Amino acid sequence: MATSTADDGDGGLERAAREAAEQRFILRLYVAGMTARSRRAIENLRVICETHLHNRYDLVVVDVYQQPTLAKGEQIIAAPTLVKKLPLPLRRVIGDMSDTQRVLVGLDLVPVD
């Protein structure tokens, strides 16, 4: 007797939505010193992550002045820059993270308009 792996109705969509809701996000925020712009980017990103990714993210803040080899390895040419390492695909968002919608699009949490 053959068994079918196809979902009836919206079961596949529901499962995909559940899996997406459980994904862990690995994020790196590259900043240049503890300037006002850097502090603003850190705070804005933490608010976004707590609101939209509560308990589903790891955020590492990297000061390019303190760890220049990490920035060079990631080819960071502007700061602040957010790099979404996981889930794939890799994404980058540049700026102080004050445009919440743009950050959410960059994290693939909302579709592009």
N, C-alpha and C. Protein backbone atom coordinates (compact mmCIF):
# COMPACT_ATOMS: atom_id res chain seq x y z
N MET A 1 0.84 -1.17 0.00
CA MET A 1 0.00 0.00 0.00
C MET A 1 0.89 1.24 0.00
N ALA A 2 0.67 2.13 -0.94
CA ALA A 2 1.48 3.34 -1.06
C ALA A 2 0.92 4.43 -0.17
N THR A 3 1.82 5.18 0.44
CA THR A 3 1.38 6.32 1.25
C THR A 3 1.75 7.59 0.52
N SER A 4 0.91 8.56 0.66
CA SER A 4 1.12 9.83 -0.02
C SER A 4 1.80 10.80 0.93
N THR A 5 2.76 11.55 0.41
CA THR A 5 3.43 12.56 1.22
C THR A 5 2.89 13.94 0.94
N ALA A 6 1.97 14.05 0.02
CA ALA A 6 1.39 15.36 -0.30
C ALA A 6 0.39 15.75 0.78
N ASP A 7 0.36 17.03 1.11
CA ASP A 7 -0.58 17.54 2.10
C ASP A 7 -1.89 17.90 1.43
N ASP A 8 -2.97 17.64 2.13
CA ASP A 8 -4.27 18.06 1.64
C ASP A 8 -4.52 19.49 2.11
N GLY A 9 -5.07 20.31 1.28
CA GLY A 9 -5.43 21.67 1.68
C GLY A 9 -4.22 22.52 1.95
N ASP A 10 -4.26 23.25 3.06
CA ASP A 10 -3.21 24.19 3.42
C ASP A 10 -2.22 23.62 4.43
N GLY A 11 -2.20 22.31 4.61
CA GLY A 11 -1.29 21.71 5.59
C GLY A 11 0.16 22.06 5.35
N GLY A 12 0.59 22.08 4.09
CA GLY A 12 1.97 22.43 3.77
C GLY A 12 2.29 23.87 4.12
N LEU A 13 1.34 24.76 3.87
CA LEU A 13 1.55 26.17 4.20
C LEU A 13 1.62 26.36 5.71
N GLU A 14 0.76 25.66 6.43
CA GLU A 14 0.78 25.78 7.89
C GLU A 14 2.09 25.26 8.46
N ARG A 15 2.57 24.12 7.92
CA ARG A 15 3.83 23.56 8.39
C ARG A 15 4.98 24.51 8.08
N ALA A 16 4.99 25.09 6.89
CA ALA A 16 6.04 26.05 6.51
C ALA A 16 6.02 27.26 7.43
N ALA A 17 4.83 27.75 7.75
CA ALA A 17 4.71 28.90 8.64
C ALA A 17 5.22 28.56 10.04
N ARG A 18 4.91 27.34 10.52
CA ARG A 18 5.38 26.90 11.84
C ARG A 18 6.89 26.79 11.86
N GLU A 19 7.47 26.21 10.80
CA GLU A 19 8.92 26.06 10.73
C GLU A 19 9.60 27.42 10.68
N ALA A 20 9.04 28.34 9.92
CA ALA A 20 9.60 29.70 9.84
C ALA A 20 9.54 30.38 11.20
N ALA A 21 8.48 30.15 11.93
CA ALA A 21 8.31 30.79 13.24
C ALA A 21 9.28 30.22 14.27
N GLU A 22 9.85 29.04 13.99
CA GLU A 22 10.77 28.40 14.93
C GLU A 22 12.23 28.59 14.55
N GLN A 23 12.51 29.19 13.39
CA GLN A 23 13.89 29.35 12.94
C GLN A 23 14.65 30.28 13.87
N ARG A 24 15.91 29.94 14.09
CA ARG A 24 16.80 30.77 14.90
C ARG A 24 17.58 31.68 13.97
N PHE A 25 17.66 32.95 14.33
CA PHE A 25 18.36 33.95 13.52
C PHE A 25 19.72 34.22 14.15
N ILE A 26 20.75 34.16 13.34
CA ILE A 26 22.12 34.48 13.75
C ILE A 26 22.46 35.81 13.09
N LEU A 27 22.67 36.83 13.92
CA LEU A 27 22.87 38.19 13.43
C LEU A 27 24.17 38.76 13.95
N ARG A 28 24.83 39.54 13.10
CA ARG A 28 26.00 40.33 13.52
C ARG A 28 25.77 41.77 13.12
N LEU A 29 25.96 42.65 14.07
CA LEU A 29 25.85 44.08 13.79
C LEU A 29 27.25 44.69 13.91
N TYR A 30 27.74 45.21 12.81
CA TYR A 30 29.06 45.84 12.78
C TYR A 30 28.88 47.33 12.99
N VAL A 31 29.58 47.86 13.99
CA VAL A 31 29.52 49.29 14.31
C VAL A 31 30.93 49.85 14.34
N ALA A 32 31.03 51.17 14.23
CA ALA A 32 32.33 51.84 14.26
C ALA A 32 32.44 52.64 15.55
N GLY A 33 32.95 52.01 16.59
CA GLY A 33 33.06 52.67 17.89
C GLY A 33 31.70 52.80 18.55
N MET A 34 31.68 53.47 19.69
CA MET A 34 30.43 53.66 20.41
C MET A 34 29.90 55.08 20.19
N THR A 35 29.74 55.43 18.92
CA THR A 35 29.20 56.73 18.55
C THR A 35 27.69 56.73 18.81
N ALA A 36 27.09 57.90 18.71
CA ALA A 36 25.64 57.99 18.88
C ALA A 36 24.92 57.15 17.83
N ARG A 37 25.42 57.16 16.60
CA ARG A 37 24.81 56.36 15.53
C ARG A 37 24.92 54.86 15.83
N SER A 38 26.05 54.43 16.35
CA SER A 38 26.24 53.02 16.71
C SER A 38 25.29 52.62 17.83
N ARG A 39 25.21 53.43 18.87
CA ARG A 39 24.31 53.14 19.99
C ARG A 39 22.85 53.09 19.54
N ARG A 40 22.49 54.02 18.64
CA ARG A 40 21.12 54.06 18.11
C ARG A 40 20.83 52.78 17.31
N ALA A 41 21.77 52.34 16.49
CA ALA A 41 21.60 51.11 15.70
C ALA A 41 21.43 49.90 16.61
N ILE A 42 22.24 49.81 17.65
CA ILE A 42 22.15 48.69 18.60
C ILE A 42 20.79 48.68 19.27
N GLU A 43 20.37 49.82 19.78
CA GLU A 43 19.07 49.90 20.48
C GLU A 43 17.91 49.62 19.52
N ASN A 44 17.93 50.22 18.34
CA ASN A 44 16.85 49.97 17.36
C ASN A 44 16.78 48.49 17.01
N LEU A 45 17.92 47.86 16.78
CA LEU A 45 17.93 46.46 16.40
C LEU A 45 17.46 45.57 17.55
N ARG A 46 17.84 45.89 18.76
CA ARG A 46 17.39 45.08 19.91
C ARG A 46 15.87 45.16 20.06
N VAL A 47 15.30 46.33 19.86
CA VAL A 47 13.84 46.48 19.94
C VAL A 47 13.17 45.66 18.84
N ILE A 48 13.69 45.75 17.63
CA ILE A 48 13.12 44.98 16.51
C ILE A 48 13.21 43.48 16.80
N CYS A 49 14.36 43.02 17.26
CA CYS A 49 14.55 41.60 17.54
C CYS A 49 13.64 41.12 18.66
N GLU A 50 13.53 41.88 19.72
CA GLU A 50 12.66 41.47 20.83
C GLU A 50 11.19 41.47 20.42
N THR A 51 10.81 42.38 19.54
CA THR A 51 9.43 42.46 19.10
C THR A 51 9.09 41.35 18.11
N HIS A 52 9.99 41.07 17.16
CA HIS A 52 9.67 40.17 16.06
C HIS A 52 10.36 38.80 16.13
N LEU A 53 11.40 38.68 16.93
CA LEU A 53 12.15 37.42 17.01
C LEU A 53 12.37 36.98 18.45
N HIS A 54 11.51 37.34 19.34
CA HIS A 54 11.68 37.08 20.77
C HIS A 54 12.14 35.64 21.03
N ASN A 55 13.29 35.50 21.68
CA ASN A 55 13.89 34.20 22.03
C ASN A 55 14.28 33.35 20.82
N ARG A 56 14.39 33.98 19.63
CA ARG A 56 14.76 33.22 18.43
C ARG A 56 15.96 33.84 17.72
N TYR A 57 16.77 34.59 18.43
CA TYR A 57 17.89 35.23 17.75
C TYR A 57 19.13 35.27 18.64
N ASP A 58 20.28 35.28 17.97
CA ASP A 58 21.57 35.51 18.62
C ASP A 58 22.16 36.73 17.92
N LEU A 59 22.44 37.76 18.70
CA LEU A 59 22.99 39.00 18.16
C LEU A 59 24.36 39.24 18.75
N VAL A 60 25.33 39.42 17.85
CA VAL A 60 26.69 39.77 18.25
C VAL A 60 26.97 41.15 17.68
N VAL A 61 27.40 42.07 18.55
CA VAL A 61 27.79 43.40 18.11
C VAL A 61 29.31 43.42 17.98
N VAL A 62 29.79 43.79 16.80
CA VAL A 62 31.22 43.80 16.51
C VAL A 62 31.65 45.24 16.24
N ASP A 63 32.58 45.73 17.05
CA ASP A 63 33.16 47.05 16.82
C ASP A 63 34.32 46.88 15.83
N VAL A 64 34.18 47.48 14.65
CA VAL A 64 35.20 47.30 13.61
C VAL A 64 36.55 47.86 14.02
N TYR A 65 36.57 48.80 14.98
CA TYR A 65 37.85 49.32 15.46
C TYR A 65 38.53 48.31 16.38
N GLN A 66 37.75 47.55 17.14
CA GLN A 66 38.29 46.56 18.06
C GLN A 66 38.62 45.24 17.37
N GLN A 67 37.85 44.89 16.33
CA GLN A 67 38.04 43.61 15.64
C GLN A 67 38.03 43.83 14.12
N PRO A 68 39.04 44.52 13.61
CA PRO A 68 39.06 44.83 12.17
C PRO A 68 39.13 43.61 11.27
N THR A 69 39.73 42.51 11.73
CA THR A 69 39.82 41.33 10.87
C THR A 69 38.45 40.71 10.62
N LEU A 70 37.55 40.76 11.60
CA LEU A 70 36.20 40.26 11.38
C LEU A 70 35.48 41.10 10.33
N ALA A 71 35.64 42.41 10.43
CA ALA A 71 35.00 43.30 9.46
C ALA A 71 35.58 43.08 8.07
N LYS A 72 36.88 42.89 7.99
CA LYS A 72 37.51 42.66 6.69
C LYS A 72 37.04 41.34 6.09
N GLY A 73 36.94 40.32 6.92
CA GLY A 73 36.48 39.02 6.45
C GLY A 73 35.06 39.05 5.92
N GLU A 74 34.23 39.90 6.48
CA GLU A 74 32.84 40.04 6.02
C GLU A 74 32.71 41.11 4.93
N GLN A 75 33.82 41.74 4.58
CA GLN A 75 33.85 42.81 3.58
C GLN A 75 32.90 43.95 3.95
N ILE A 76 32.98 44.38 5.20
CA ILE A 76 32.18 45.49 5.69
C ILE A 76 32.83 46.78 5.23
N ILE A 77 32.08 47.59 4.49
CA ILE A 77 32.62 48.86 3.99
C ILE A 77 31.91 50.06 4.59
N ALA A 78 30.84 49.83 5.34
CA ALA A 78 30.10 50.91 5.99
C ALA A 78 29.61 50.40 7.34
N ALA A 79 29.47 51.31 8.27
CA ALA A 79 28.97 50.93 9.59
C ALA A 79 27.96 51.98 10.04
N PRO A 80 26.91 51.57 10.68
CA PRO A 80 26.53 50.22 11.07
C PRO A 80 26.04 49.39 9.89
N THR A 81 26.39 48.10 9.93
CA THR A 81 25.90 47.12 8.96
C THR A 81 25.44 45.88 9.72
N LEU A 82 24.24 45.46 9.43
CA LEU A 82 23.69 44.23 10.00
C LEU A 82 23.88 43.11 8.98
N VAL A 83 24.42 41.99 9.44
CA VAL A 83 24.56 40.81 8.58
C VAL A 83 23.71 39.70 9.19
N LYS A 84 22.77 39.20 8.38
CA LYS A 84 21.97 38.04 8.80
C LYS A 84 22.68 36.81 8.25
N LYS A 85 23.30 36.04 9.15
CA LYS A 85 24.04 34.84 8.75
C LYS A 85 23.09 33.67 8.51
N LEU A 86 22.16 33.46 9.43
CA LEU A 86 21.17 32.39 9.33
C LEU A 86 19.82 32.93 9.76
N PRO A 87 18.74 32.44 9.24
CA PRO A 87 18.65 31.45 8.19
C PRO A 87 19.07 32.04 6.84
N LEU A 88 19.53 31.18 5.98
CA LEU A 88 19.92 31.62 4.65
C LEU A 88 18.71 32.13 3.89
N PRO A 89 18.85 33.00 2.95
CA PRO A 89 20.10 33.53 2.40
C PRO A 89 20.68 34.63 3.28
N LEU A 90 21.99 34.79 3.16
CA LEU A 90 22.69 35.86 3.85
C LEU A 90 22.13 37.20 3.38
N ARG A 91 21.93 38.11 4.30
CA ARG A 91 21.42 39.44 3.96
C ARG A 91 22.23 40.49 4.72
N ARG A 92 22.27 41.71 4.15
CA ARG A 92 22.94 42.85 4.79
C ARG A 92 22.00 44.05 4.79
N VAL A 93 22.01 44.77 5.90
CA VAL A 93 21.24 46.00 6.01
C VAL A 93 22.20 47.05 6.55
N ILE A 94 22.30 48.18 5.87
CA ILE A 94 23.21 49.25 6.27
C ILE A 94 22.39 50.41 6.82
N GLY A 95 22.87 51.00 7.92
CA GLY A 95 22.21 52.17 8.49
C GLY A 95 21.99 51.99 9.98
N ASP A 96 21.26 52.93 10.57
CA ASP A 96 21.07 52.91 12.02
C ASP A 96 19.88 52.08 12.48
N MET A 97 19.30 51.31 11.58
CA MET A 97 18.20 50.38 11.85
C MET A 97 16.94 51.09 12.33
N SER A 98 16.81 52.38 12.02
CA SER A 98 15.63 53.14 12.44
C SER A 98 14.43 52.90 11.54
N ASP A 99 14.66 52.41 10.32
CA ASP A 99 13.56 52.09 9.40
C ASP A 99 13.18 50.63 9.64
N THR A 100 12.25 50.42 10.56
CA THR A 100 11.87 49.07 10.97
C THR A 100 11.43 48.22 9.79
N GLN A 101 10.64 48.77 8.91
CA GLN A 101 10.14 48.01 7.76
C GLN A 101 11.29 47.52 6.90
N ARG A 102 12.27 48.37 6.66
CA ARG A 102 13.43 47.99 5.85
C ARG A 102 14.23 46.87 6.52
N VAL A 103 14.38 46.95 7.84
CA VAL A 103 15.10 45.91 8.57
C VAL A 103 14.33 44.59 8.49
N LEU A 104 13.01 44.64 8.66
CA LEU A 104 12.20 43.42 8.58
C LEU A 104 12.28 42.78 7.20
N VAL A 105 12.30 43.60 6.16
CA VAL A 105 12.48 43.08 4.80
C VAL A 105 13.87 42.45 4.67
N GLY A 106 14.88 43.13 5.21
CA GLY A 106 16.25 42.61 5.16
C GLY A 106 16.41 41.30 5.90
N LEU A 107 15.63 41.10 6.93
CA LEU A 107 15.66 39.84 7.69
C LEU A 107 14.74 38.78 7.09
N ASP A 108 14.07 39.12 6.01
CA ASP A 108 13.10 38.24 5.36
C ASP A 108 11.92 37.89 6.27
N LEU A 109 11.55 38.85 7.12
CA LEU A 109 10.39 38.64 8.01
C LEU A 109 9.10 39.16 7.40
N VAL A 110 9.21 40.06 6.45
CA VAL A 110 8.05 40.55 5.70
C VAL A 110 8.44 40.58 4.23
N PRO A 111 7.47 40.38 3.34
CA PRO A 111 7.80 40.41 1.92
C PRO A 111 8.10 41.82 1.43
N VAL A 112 8.87 41.90 0.35
CA VAL A 112 9.17 43.19 -0.28
C VAL A 112 7.91 43.70 -0.93
N ASP A 113 7.60 44.99 -0.73
CA ASP A 113 6.40 45.58 -1.36
C ASP A 113 6.60 45.73 -2.85
